[in-house]
Amino acid sequence: MTEKMMAVLALNNRQKQVIALLKIHGKIPNPEYQEVTKAIKKTAARDFSSLKEKGIVKQVGSRGPGVHYVLLKKGDIIGTSA
């Protein structure tokens, strides 16, 4: 995802940071996101909710310690093409 696309989607710095981490590691659980970005649990939940609404990430798992987030394929992201 380009800087221009991130600007169009109005992503905050924490969200940009998590996208970079997801590109490297492939997945990230909420506690790791909180640690890396220094965000509290509610802020992390809002950030992930926003990223899910924008079609950037997908939640894998429904509850508990196994839940993590992954990037959607390029063609799945709103405003991009395959």
Protein backbone atom coordinates (compact mmCIF):
# COMPACT_ATOMS: atom_id res chain seq x y z
CA MET A 1 0.00 0.00 0.00
CA THR A 2 1.43 3.34 -1.04
CA GLU A 3 1.65 6.49 1.07
CA LYS A 4 -0.81 8.10 -1.34
CA MET A 5 -3.33 5.30 -0.78
CA MET A 6 -2.87 5.54 2.99
CA ALA A 7 -3.54 9.28 2.77
CA VAL A 8 -6.71 8.69 0.73
CA LEU A 9 -7.90 6.19 3.34
CA ALA A 10 -7.05 8.69 6.14
CA LEU A 11 -4.95 6.24 8.14
CA ASN A 12 -3.33 7.37 11.37
CA ASN A 13 0.34 6.73 12.18
CA ARG A 14 -0.44 3.63 14.27
CA GLN A 15 -2.44 2.13 11.40
CA LYS A 16 0.37 2.86 8.95
CA GLN A 17 2.80 1.22 11.35
CA VAL A 18 0.68 -1.94 11.63
CA ILE A 19 0.39 -2.21 7.84
CA ALA A 20 4.19 -2.15 7.61
CA LEU A 21 4.41 -4.86 10.30
CA LEU A 22 1.80 -6.98 8.54
CA LYS A 23 3.76 -6.77 5.29
CA ILE A 24 6.79 -8.17 7.11
CA HIS A 25 5.25 -10.69 9.52
CA GLY A 26 1.99 -11.60 7.77
CA LYS A 27 -0.14 -11.40 10.93
CA ILE A 28 -0.34 -9.53 14.21
CA PRO A 29 -2.36 -10.15 17.37
CA ASN A 30 -3.91 -7.21 19.26
CA PRO A 31 -1.54 -7.43 22.27
CA GLU A 32 1.51 -7.16 19.99
CA TYR A 33 -0.08 -4.18 18.22
CA GLN A 34 -0.64 -2.52 21.60
CA GLU A 35 2.97 -3.13 22.61
CA VAL A 36 4.47 -1.82 19.37
CA THR A 37 2.25 1.26 19.07
CA LYS A 38 1.88 1.95 22.83
CA ALA A 39 -1.89 2.06 22.28
CA ILE A 40 -4.33 1.07 25.01
CA LYS A 41 -6.73 -1.81 24.37
CA LYS A 42 -9.68 0.41 23.36
CA THR A 43 -7.56 2.43 20.93
CA ALA A 44 -6.19 -0.74 19.36
CA ALA A 45 -9.73 -2.10 18.98
CA ARG A 46 -10.86 1.15 17.29
CA ASP A 47 -7.85 1.11 14.96
CA PHE A 48 -8.49 -2.49 13.91
CA SER A 49 -12.21 -1.84 13.53
CA SER A 50 -11.44 1.07 11.20
CA LEU A 51 -8.96 -1.02 9.19
CA LYS A 52 -11.56 -3.80 8.86
CA GLU A 53 -14.27 -1.32 7.73
CA LYS A 54 -11.90 0.06 5.09
CA GLY A 55 -11.21 -3.44 3.82
CA ILE A 56 -7.51 -3.38 4.66
CA VAL A 57 -7.29 -6.14 7.26
CA LYS A 58 -9.24 -9.23 8.17
CA GLN A 59 -9.69 -10.68 11.64
CA VAL A 60 -8.79 -14.36 11.93
CA GLY A 61 -10.54 -16.05 14.85
CA SER A 62 -13.46 -14.76 16.85
CA ARG A 63 -12.28 -14.39 20.46
CA GLY A 64 -9.42 -15.12 22.77
CA PRO A 65 -5.65 -15.35 22.52
CA GLY A 66 -5.63 -16.92 19.04
CA VAL A 67 -7.21 -13.90 17.34
CA HIS A 68 -4.93 -12.06 14.94
CA TYR A 69 -5.19 -9.76 11.94
CA VAL A 70 -3.91 -10.20 8.38
CA LEU A 71 -3.77 -7.94 5.33
CA LEU A 72 -6.35 -8.57 2.66
CA LYS A 73 -5.10 -9.20 -0.86
CA LYS A 74 -4.35 -6.09 -2.87
CA GLY A 75 -7.44 -6.47 -5.05
CA ASP A 76 -9.63 -6.80 -1.95
CA ILE A 77 -8.68 -3.42 -0.54
CA ILE A 78 -11.14 -0.65 -1.33
CA GLY A 79 -9.80 1.61 -4.05
CA THR A 80 -7.07 -0.70 -5.32
CA SER A 81 -6.91 -3.20 -8.10
CA ALA A 82 -5.21 -6.57 -8.53
